[in-house]
């Protein structure tokens, strides 16, 4: 049994009303942006760049 997309506005409104009756919020509030994802990605990228740079420089020092 698959989900069939509503073809008309009436079908869409019916789905929204069913969701509200079931206690599901069809329009949840937006989540706050968290900084830890950006910080984790930035620190990972810094580690990669430092690693690549050190490997590149070690080729010339040997």
Protein backbone atom coordinates (compact mmCIF):
# COMPACT_ATOMS: atom_id res chain seq x y z
CA UNK A 1 0.00 0.00 0.00
CA UNK A 2 1.66 3.17 -1.18
CA UNK A 3 0.91 6.77 -0.45
CA UNK A 4 -0.97 8.55 -3.24
CA UNK A 5 -0.25 12.24 -3.62
CA UNK A 6 -3.37 14.42 -3.44
CA UNK A 7 -4.54 15.50 -6.88
CA UNK A 8 -6.88 18.28 -5.81
CA UNK A 9 -7.00 20.93 -3.12
CA UNK A 10 -9.95 19.15 -1.51
CA UNK A 11 -7.91 15.93 -1.14
CA UNK A 12 -5.03 17.91 0.32
CA UNK A 13 -7.30 19.65 2.83
CA UNK A 14 -8.80 16.27 3.76
CA UNK A 15 -5.32 14.90 4.50
CA UNK A 16 -4.50 17.93 6.62
CA UNK A 17 -7.74 17.58 8.60
CA UNK A 18 -7.05 13.85 9.17
CA UNK A 19 -3.56 14.68 10.41
CA UNK A 20 -4.93 17.27 12.83
CA UNK A 21 -7.53 14.77 14.11
CA UNK A 22 -4.77 12.22 14.69
CA UNK A 23 -2.77 14.77 16.67
CA UNK A 24 -0.10 15.33 14.03
CA UNK A 25 0.95 18.91 13.44
CA UNK A 26 1.15 19.29 9.65
CA UNK A 27 3.04 22.57 9.98
CA UNK A 28 5.66 22.11 12.73
CA UNK A 29 7.63 25.16 13.87
CA UNK A 30 11.05 25.67 12.34
CA UNK A 31 13.93 24.22 14.30
CA UNK A 32 16.69 26.38 15.65
CA UNK A 33 19.97 26.23 13.80
CA UNK A 34 22.68 24.63 15.87
CA UNK A 35 26.26 25.80 15.68
CA UNK A 36 27.85 22.46 16.59
CA UNK A 37 27.43 21.12 13.05
CA UNK A 38 29.30 24.03 11.52
CA UNK A 39 31.98 23.88 14.20
CA UNK A 40 32.46 20.13 13.68
CA UNK A 41 32.68 20.51 9.91
CA UNK A 42 35.08 23.45 10.15
CA UNK A 43 37.38 21.64 12.58
CA UNK A 44 37.39 18.55 10.36
CA UNK A 45 38.28 20.65 7.33
CA UNK A 46 41.09 22.40 9.21
CA UNK A 47 42.54 19.03 10.21
CA UNK A 48 42.39 17.84 6.60
CA UNK A 49 44.08 20.96 5.25
CA UNK A 50 46.84 20.83 7.86
CA UNK A 51 47.37 17.14 7.13
CA UNK A 52 47.57 17.68 3.37
CA UNK A 53 49.86 20.67 3.77
CA UNK A 54 52.22 18.80 6.06
CA UNK A 55 52.34 15.82 3.68
CA UNK A 56 53.04 18.16 0.76
CA UNK A 57 55.84 19.97 2.64
CA UNK A 58 57.41 16.72 3.88
CA UNK A 59 58.03 15.70 0.26
CA UNK A 60 60.35 18.67 -0.20
CA UNK A 61 62.18 18.21 3.10
CA UNK A 62 63.26 14.63 2.48
